[in-house]
Amino acid sequence: MELPQIDDYHSILLNDTPLLDVRAPVEFDQGSFPAAENYPLINNEEREAIGIRYKNLGQDEAIKLGHELVRDEVKSQRVQHWQNFFEHHPQGVLYCFRGGMRSKISQQWIYEQTGTIYPRVKGGYKAMRRFLIDELEKSAQQLQPIMLGGRTGIGKTVLLQQLDQQIDLEGIYHHRGSVFGKHVTPQPSQIDIENRLSIELLKIRSKQYSQIVLEDEGTNIGSRAIPDVLFARMKQSPLILLQASIDERIEITFQEYIIESLAEHQQHNGDEAGFESWAEQLQTSIDKIQRRLGGVRHRELKTLLTDAIHVQKSSGNAEAHKDWIKILLVDYYDPMYDFQTEKKLDRVVFRGSQEEVLGYLSEQYNIS
């Protein structure tokens, strides 16, 4: 019986179709898709052993070894994982790297043990990845970016979240975009980010939008790069500068760096260990900018930060953090912002408060 294949990558990815990835975990970690879950046919060690056998003795012997390694109880357990997946996601599809032997075997075993016909992706991961690379290029050509800039702590993400025609790059990149912007969990792989970014842009195009609001970023967010094809468009696009008072910026930065970040660390590590890991991350971040701050200013900020951490730990009051945050914004981030903005003045089309920017986007670009 010939089991079905699907090659409508557009629908699969646009509709967040649940994806059963049967590649080895090491392959999944290098790059996958937002809707994918990894339940491998062969694990990393088995994959390596089969690869060595293939290299030394050829395909037939490699296949033979694969069947020896994955049989009986091991085979039953893996099929059970797949069965659990498609019982929760009957509309899903499965794939391996090229849509070849691994996904065929997985598909066949599912059918033999459960009677369920579960489709596989023609061309597998490689074909969908190629599709998304091509679509990312199309999106960069077809969508007109409108860049949203402004000083650190100005509330750009807050404004973006009020719009339909936008993509939160810092959300996709899992990084707040500054030296203090790390989350408690690592950034996704570069490939994962590119795949998700391409899918999000595809969704924007599917709604017949021709323009999209993006936060003004450098070439990298954290340690991950913005794809060249998109960044080239971003740096040539109209720039809107959001404005707010220093007190508003201190409050926004305080909420991000102190309240939200601490909560994230404590949720991940527990209350006590989370407080310690969060405090260590803040101090490490201050040390990373020591050279730019200069020795005197660095010592001043480090002392204020350390004192604020001690006060917060003993009393629960975090307000003292606002002292070093103000100095950081005014003396460190603002001069860098002024220097960078000076080079972009020819692209600036509007400046204003959050309410004024929202009004301008609605009136000038019909974006709301």
Protein backbone atom coordinates (compact mmCIF):
# COMPACT_ATOMS: atom_id res chain seq x y z
CA MET A 1 0.00 0.00 0.00
CA GLU A 2 1.35 3.42 -1.00
CA LEU A 3 0.96 5.76 1.97
CA PRO A 4 0.14 9.42 1.26
CA GLN A 5 2.56 12.34 0.93
CA ILE A 6 1.78 16.07 1.23
CA ASP A 7 3.71 18.84 -0.51
CA ASP A 8 1.49 21.89 0.16
CA TYR A 9 4.12 23.55 2.34
CA HIS A 10 2.28 26.86 2.20
CA SER A 11 -0.82 25.46 3.93
CA ILE A 12 1.15 23.27 6.34
CA LEU A 13 3.19 26.19 7.67
CA LEU A 14 0.61 28.95 7.35
CA ASN A 15 -1.98 26.98 9.33
CA ASP A 16 0.43 25.81 12.06
CA THR A 17 -0.25 22.19 11.16
CA PRO A 18 1.08 19.95 13.97
CA LEU A 19 4.31 18.34 12.79
CA LEU A 20 5.71 15.03 14.00
CA ASP A 21 9.49 15.26 13.52
CA VAL A 22 11.05 11.77 13.45
CA ARG A 23 14.64 12.99 12.97
CA ALA A 24 17.25 12.45 15.66
CA PRO A 25 17.28 14.99 18.53
CA VAL A 26 20.59 16.48 17.35
CA GLU A 27 18.98 17.35 14.00
CA PHE A 28 15.88 18.78 15.68
CA ASP A 29 18.04 20.99 17.93
CA GLN A 30 19.86 22.43 14.92
CA GLY A 31 16.63 23.59 13.33
CA SER A 32 12.92 22.82 13.28
CA PHE A 33 9.52 24.54 12.99
CA PRO A 34 7.29 26.22 15.62
CA ALA A 35 4.57 23.56 15.35
CA ALA A 36 6.96 20.58 15.45
CA GLU A 37 7.50 18.04 18.22
CA ASN A 38 10.40 15.59 18.14
CA TYR A 39 9.74 11.86 18.59
CA PRO A 40 12.65 10.25 16.76
CA LEU A 41 12.77 6.98 14.88
CA ILE A 42 16.43 6.65 15.89
CA ASN A 43 18.23 8.51 18.67
CA ASN A 44 21.58 10.32 18.34
CA GLU A 45 23.73 7.32 19.22
CA GLU A 46 21.83 5.00 16.88
CA ARG A 47 22.04 7.57 14.10
CA GLU A 48 25.81 7.82 14.53
CA ALA A 49 26.27 4.03 14.52
CA ILE A 50 24.10 3.63 11.41
CA GLY A 51 26.02 6.43 9.68
CA ILE A 52 29.33 4.67 10.36
CA ARG A 53 27.93 1.37 9.08
CA TYR A 54 26.64 3.11 5.93
CA LYS A 55 30.04 4.69 5.28
CA ASN A 56 31.95 1.43 5.78
CA LEU A 57 29.59 -1.21 4.42
CA GLY A 58 26.87 0.54 2.39
CA GLN A 59 23.15 1.18 2.56
CA ASP A 60 21.85 -2.38 2.91
CA GLU A 61 24.03 -3.07 5.95
CA ALA A 62 23.07 0.30 7.46
CA ILE A 63 19.37 -0.51 7.09
CA LYS A 64 19.96 -3.94 8.62
CA LEU A 65 21.66 -2.36 11.65
CA GLY A 66 18.82 0.13 12.00
CA HIS A 67 16.28 -2.71 12.26
CA GLU A 68 18.49 -4.50 14.79
CA LEU A 69 18.74 -1.40 16.98
CA VAL A 70 15.04 -0.45 16.80
CA ARG A 71 12.97 -3.57 17.36
CA ASP A 72 10.73 -5.27 19.90
CA GLU A 73 10.16 -3.10 23.00
CA VAL A 74 12.19 -0.13 21.65
CA LYS A 75 10.14 -0.12 18.46
CA SER A 76 6.84 -0.43 20.38
CA GLN A 77 7.72 2.49 22.64
CA ARG A 78 8.55 4.74 19.71
CA VAL A 79 5.40 3.86 17.82
CA GLN A 80 3.45 4.53 21.03
CA HIS A 81 4.94 8.06 21.16
CA TRP A 82 3.79 8.64 17.57
CA GLN A 83 0.34 7.22 18.32
CA ASN A 84 -0.02 9.58 21.30
CA PHE A 85 0.94 12.47 19.05
CA PHE A 86 -1.56 11.78 16.27
CA GLU A 87 -4.34 11.01 18.75
CA HIS A 88 -3.85 14.56 20.05
CA HIS A 89 -3.23 15.95 16.54
CA PRO A 90 -5.24 13.93 13.99
CA GLN A 91 -4.78 16.69 11.40
CA GLY A 92 -0.96 16.59 11.66
CA VAL A 93 1.74 15.27 9.35
CA LEU A 94 5.13 13.65 9.92
CA TYR A 95 8.52 14.25 8.34
CA CYS A 96 12.18 13.27 8.43
CA PHE A 97 15.09 15.13 6.83
CA ARG A 98 14.42 14.47 3.14
CA GLY A 99 11.04 12.72 3.26
CA GLY A 100 12.75 9.41 2.54
CA MET A 101 13.39 6.21 4.39
CA ARG A 102 12.91 7.35 8.00
CA SER A 103 9.53 8.95 7.45
CA LYS A 104 8.42 6.04 5.22
CA ILE A 105 9.36 3.52 7.92
CA SER A 106 7.66 5.59 10.62
CA GLN A 107 4.55 5.97 8.49
CA GLN A 108 4.49 2.22 7.75
CA TRP A 109 4.95 1.19 11.39
CA ILE A 110 2.15 3.53 12.49
CA TYR A 111 -0.14 1.96 9.90
CA GLU A 112 0.86 -1.62 10.78
CA GLN A 113 0.42 -1.20 14.55
CA THR A 114 -2.56 1.16 14.69
CA GLY A 115 -4.27 1.03 11.31
CA THR A 116 -3.95 4.81 11.05
CA ILE A 117 -2.85 6.39 7.78
CA TYR A 118 -0.75 9.39 8.77
CA PRO A 119 0.60 11.49 5.88
CA ARG A 120 4.26 12.41 5.50
CA VAL A 121 5.78 15.59 4.08
CA LYS A 122 7.17 15.12 0.61
CA GLY A 123 10.79 16.24 0.64
CA GLY A 124 10.74 16.42 4.44
CA TYR A 125 12.40 19.08 6.56
CA LYS A 126 14.80 20.05 3.79
CA ALA A 127 11.99 20.94 1.37
CA MET A 128 10.08 22.99 3.94
CA ARG A 129 13.23 24.80 5.00
CA ARG A 130 13.98 25.65 1.36
CA PHE A 131 10.39 26.88 0.94
CA LEU A 132 10.74 29.20 3.95
CA ILE A 133 14.07 30.61 2.77
CA ASP A 134 12.47 31.46 -0.58
CA GLU A 135 9.36 32.90 1.08
CA LEU A 136 11.46 35.06 3.40
CA GLU A 137 13.04 36.64 0.35
CA LYS A 138 9.61 37.22 -1.22
CA SER A 139 8.30 38.76 2.01
CA ALA A 140 11.26 41.13 2.20
CA GLN A 141 10.54 42.24 -1.38
CA GLN A 142 6.75 42.48 -1.10
CA LEU A 143 6.25 43.97 2.37
CA GLN A 144 7.17 47.60 3.10
CA PRO A 145 8.67 47.82 6.59
CA ILE A 146 7.87 50.86 8.73
CA MET A 147 10.48 51.08 11.44
CA LEU A 148 9.68 52.03 15.01
CA GLY A 149 12.62 53.54 16.88
CA GLY A 150 13.23 55.36 20.11
CA ARG A 151 15.42 55.40 23.19
CA THR A 152 15.88 52.37 25.43
CA GLY A 153 12.88 51.85 27.71
CA ILE A 154 10.61 54.00 25.54
CA GLY A 155 7.92 51.28 25.22
CA LYS A 156 8.30 50.18 21.60
CA THR A 157 7.19 46.61 22.33
CA VAL A 158 4.14 47.88 24.23
CA LEU A 159 3.13 49.95 21.20
CA LEU A 160 3.75 47.12 18.73
CA GLN A 161 1.47 44.80 20.68
CA GLN A 162 -1.44 47.15 19.97
CA LEU A 163 -1.08 46.70 16.19
CA ASP A 164 -2.20 43.94 13.82
CA GLN A 165 0.36 44.69 11.11
CA GLN A 166 3.49 44.02 13.12
CA ILE A 167 6.01 41.39 14.07
CA ASP A 168 7.70 41.41 17.46
CA LEU A 169 11.28 40.60 16.48
CA GLU A 170 12.45 40.54 20.10
CA GLY A 171 9.72 38.00 20.86
CA ILE A 172 10.81 35.75 17.99
CA TYR A 173 14.48 36.16 18.93
CA HIS A 174 13.70 35.57 22.63
CA HIS A 175 15.84 38.51 23.67
CA ARG A 176 15.04 42.06 24.80
CA GLY A 177 17.66 43.52 22.50
CA SER A 178 20.16 45.00 24.96
CA VAL A 179 23.05 43.77 27.09
CA PHE A 180 20.46 43.32 29.86
CA GLY A 181 18.03 41.60 27.52
CA LYS A 182 18.82 37.92 28.10
CA HIS A 183 16.02 35.62 29.20
CA VAL A 184 16.57 32.80 31.67
CA THR A 185 16.30 30.26 28.85
CA PRO A 186 18.61 30.45 25.79
CA GLN A 187 17.75 31.96 22.44
CA PRO A 188 16.47 29.56 19.76
CA SER A 189 18.90 28.43 17.06
CA GLN A 190 19.47 30.78 14.13
CA ILE A 191 17.60 28.37 11.85
CA ASP A 192 14.61 28.13 14.24
CA ILE A 193 14.41 31.92 14.32
CA GLU A 194 14.59 32.26 10.54
CA ASN A 195 11.90 29.61 10.08
CA ARG A 196 9.54 31.27 12.56
CA LEU A 197 10.23 34.73 11.14
CA SER A 198 9.47 33.55 7.61
CA ILE A 199 6.21 31.93 8.78
CA GLU A 200 5.12 35.11 10.61
CA LEU A 201 5.84 37.21 7.52
CA LEU A 202 3.92 34.69 5.41
CA LYS A 203 0.92 35.15 7.72
CA ILE A 204 1.10 38.92 7.29
CA ARG A 205 1.11 38.52 3.50
CA SER A 206 -1.79 36.05 3.65
CA LYS A 207 -3.93 38.85 5.16
CA GLN A 208 -3.20 40.97 2.07
CA TYR A 209 -1.19 43.52 4.04
CA SER A 210 1.49 45.36 2.12
CA GLN A 211 3.14 47.13 5.08
CA ILE A 212 4.47 45.95 8.41
CA VAL A 213 5.72 47.73 11.53
CA LEU A 214 9.01 46.45 12.95
CA GLU A 215 11.18 47.66 15.79
CA ASP A 216 14.34 49.39 14.61
CA GLU A 217 17.16 46.95 15.40
CA GLY A 218 20.83 46.44 14.66
CA THR A 219 22.12 43.51 12.62
CA ASN A 220 21.84 41.21 15.65
CA ILE A 221 19.34 40.68 18.45
CA GLY A 222 21.28 39.02 21.22
CA SER A 223 23.64 36.57 19.53
CA ARG A 224 21.34 35.87 16.56
CA ALA A 225 21.39 37.72 13.24
CA ILE A 226 18.56 39.35 11.33
CA PRO A 227 18.60 37.77 7.84
CA ASP A 228 20.47 39.99 5.37
CA VAL A 229 17.59 40.08 2.90
CA LEU A 230 15.25 41.57 5.53
CA PHE A 231 17.78 43.82 7.23
CA ALA A 232 18.65 45.42 3.89
CA ARG A 233 15.01 46.50 3.57
CA MET A 234 14.75 47.62 7.19
CA LYS A 235 17.69 50.02 7.00
CA GLN A 236 16.20 51.76 3.96
CA SER A 237 12.67 52.12 5.35
CA PRO A 238 10.77 55.05 6.93
CA LEU A 239 11.58 55.55 10.60
CA ILE A 240 9.15 56.70 13.30
CA LEU A 241 10.65 57.77 16.63
CA LEU A 242 8.64 57.10 19.75
CA GLN A 243 9.09 59.62 22.56
CA ALA A 244 8.45 59.48 26.32
CA SER A 245 9.68 61.18 29.49
CA ILE A 246 12.67 59.87 31.43
CA ASP A 247 10.35 58.90 34.30
CA GLU A 248 8.20 56.79 31.95
CA ARG A 249 11.32 55.14 30.54
CA ILE A 250 12.68 54.35 34.01
CA GLU A 251 9.37 52.72 34.93
CA ILE A 252 9.24 50.62 31.74
CA THR A 253 12.87 49.53 32.16
CA PHE A 254 12.26 48.76 35.85
CA GLN A 255 9.33 46.54 34.93
CA GLU A 256 11.37 44.64 32.30
CA TYR A 257 14.78 44.31 33.98
CA ILE A 258 13.60 43.95 37.58
CA ILE A 259 9.99 42.81 37.97
CA GLU A 260 9.47 40.66 34.87
CA SER A 261 13.01 39.28 34.68
CA LEU A 262 13.05 38.29 38.36
CA ALA A 263 9.66 36.59 38.03
CA GLU A 264 10.96 34.66 35.03
CA HIS A 265 14.07 33.48 36.90
CA GLN A 266 12.06 32.46 39.95
CA GLN A 267 9.51 30.59 37.89
CA HIS A 268 12.35 28.70 36.20
CA ASN A 269 14.68 28.12 39.18
CA GLY A 270 12.52 28.54 42.29
CA ASP A 271 12.28 31.59 44.54
CA GLU A 272 15.68 31.54 46.23
CA ALA A 273 17.82 30.16 43.39
CA GLY A 274 15.89 32.33 40.93
CA PHE A 275 16.68 35.48 42.89
CA GLU A 276 20.37 34.57 42.93
CA SER A 277 20.54 33.73 39.20
CA TRP A 278 18.68 36.95 38.35
CA ALA A 279 20.98 39.07 40.54
CA GLU A 280 24.05 37.41 39.03
CA GLN A 281 22.78 38.09 35.51
CA LEU A 282 22.29 41.79 36.30
CA GLN A 283 25.80 42.11 37.73
CA THR A 284 27.30 40.24 34.78
CA SER A 285 25.48 42.58 32.40
CA ILE A 286 26.87 45.67 34.17
CA ASP A 287 30.38 44.18 33.94
CA LYS A 288 29.99 43.58 30.20
CA ILE A 289 29.73 47.33 29.58
CA GLN A 290 32.53 48.29 31.97
CA ARG A 291 34.83 49.47 29.18
CA ARG A 292 32.21 51.75 27.64
CA LEU A 293 31.10 53.10 31.00
CA GLY A 294 34.61 53.80 32.20
CA GLY A 295 36.01 52.66 35.53
CA VAL A 296 34.50 55.39 37.72
CA ARG A 297 30.98 55.20 36.27
CA HIS A 298 31.06 51.40 36.28
CA ARG A 299 31.99 51.28 39.97
CA GLU A 300 29.23 53.78 40.76
CA LEU A 301 26.59 51.78 38.92
CA LYS A 302 27.82 48.44 40.27
CA THR A 303 27.64 49.79 43.84
CA LEU A 304 24.10 51.15 43.32
CA LEU A 305 23.03 47.85 41.76
CA THR A 306 24.57 45.73 44.51
CA ASP A 307 22.99 47.89 47.22
CA ALA A 308 19.59 47.71 45.50
CA ILE A 309 19.83 43.92 45.34
CA HIS A 310 20.66 43.72 49.07
CA VAL A 311 17.77 46.03 49.99
CA GLN A 312 15.37 44.06 47.83
CA LYS A 313 16.52 40.73 49.26
CA SER A 314 16.15 41.89 52.87
CA SER A 315 12.99 43.99 52.58
CA GLY A 316 11.30 43.05 49.31
CA ASN A 317 11.41 46.68 48.19
CA ALA A 318 12.86 46.97 44.67
CA GLU A 319 12.50 50.75 44.19
CA ALA A 320 16.23 51.42 44.76
CA HIS A 321 16.95 49.86 41.35
CA LYS A 322 15.51 52.97 39.70
CA ASP A 323 18.60 54.96 40.78
CA TRP A 324 21.06 52.95 38.70
CA ILE A 325 18.52 52.46 35.90
CA LYS A 326 18.26 56.25 35.46
CA ILE A 327 22.03 56.67 35.22
CA LEU A 328 22.26 53.72 32.83
CA LEU A 329 19.62 55.20 30.52
CA VAL A 330 20.89 58.78 30.54
CA ASP A 331 24.65 58.25 30.60
CA TYR A 332 25.04 54.98 28.70
CA TYR A 333 22.13 54.23 26.37
CA ASP A 334 21.12 57.76 25.35
CA PRO A 335 24.52 58.82 23.93
CA MET A 336 24.64 55.60 21.88
CA TYR A 337 21.11 56.21 20.66
CA ASP A 338 21.93 59.80 19.68
CA PHE A 339 24.99 58.66 17.74
CA GLN A 340 23.07 55.97 15.85
CA THR A 341 20.03 58.17 15.16
CA GLU A 342 22.20 60.94 13.72
CA LYS A 343 23.02 58.60 10.84
CA LYS A 344 19.33 57.90 10.15
CA LEU A 345 17.82 61.39 10.27
CA ASP A 346 17.04 61.36 6.53
CA ARG A 347 14.64 58.44 7.15
CA VAL A 348 12.75 59.93 10.11
CA VAL A 349 9.16 60.69 9.06
CA PHE A 350 7.53 61.32 12.45
CA ARG A 351 8.25 61.75 16.18
CA GLY A 352 5.72 61.60 18.96
CA SER A 353 4.21 59.97 22.03
CA GLN A 354 2.62 56.54 21.92
CA GLU A 355 -0.83 58.01 21.27
CA GLU A 356 0.52 60.34 18.57
CA VAL A 357 2.44 57.53 16.85
CA LEU A 358 -0.62 55.29 16.84
CA GLY A 359 -2.62 58.15 15.31
CA TYR A 360 0.04 58.77 12.67
CA LEU A 361 0.21 55.09 11.69
CA SER A 362 -3.56 54.97 11.36
CA GLU A 363 -3.84 58.19 9.35
CA GLN A 364 -0.75 57.88 7.16
CA TYR A 365 -0.58 54.11 6.58
CA ASN A 366 -4.04 52.87 7.60
CA ILE A 367 -2.40 50.69 10.26
CA SER A 368 -4.20 50.05 13.52
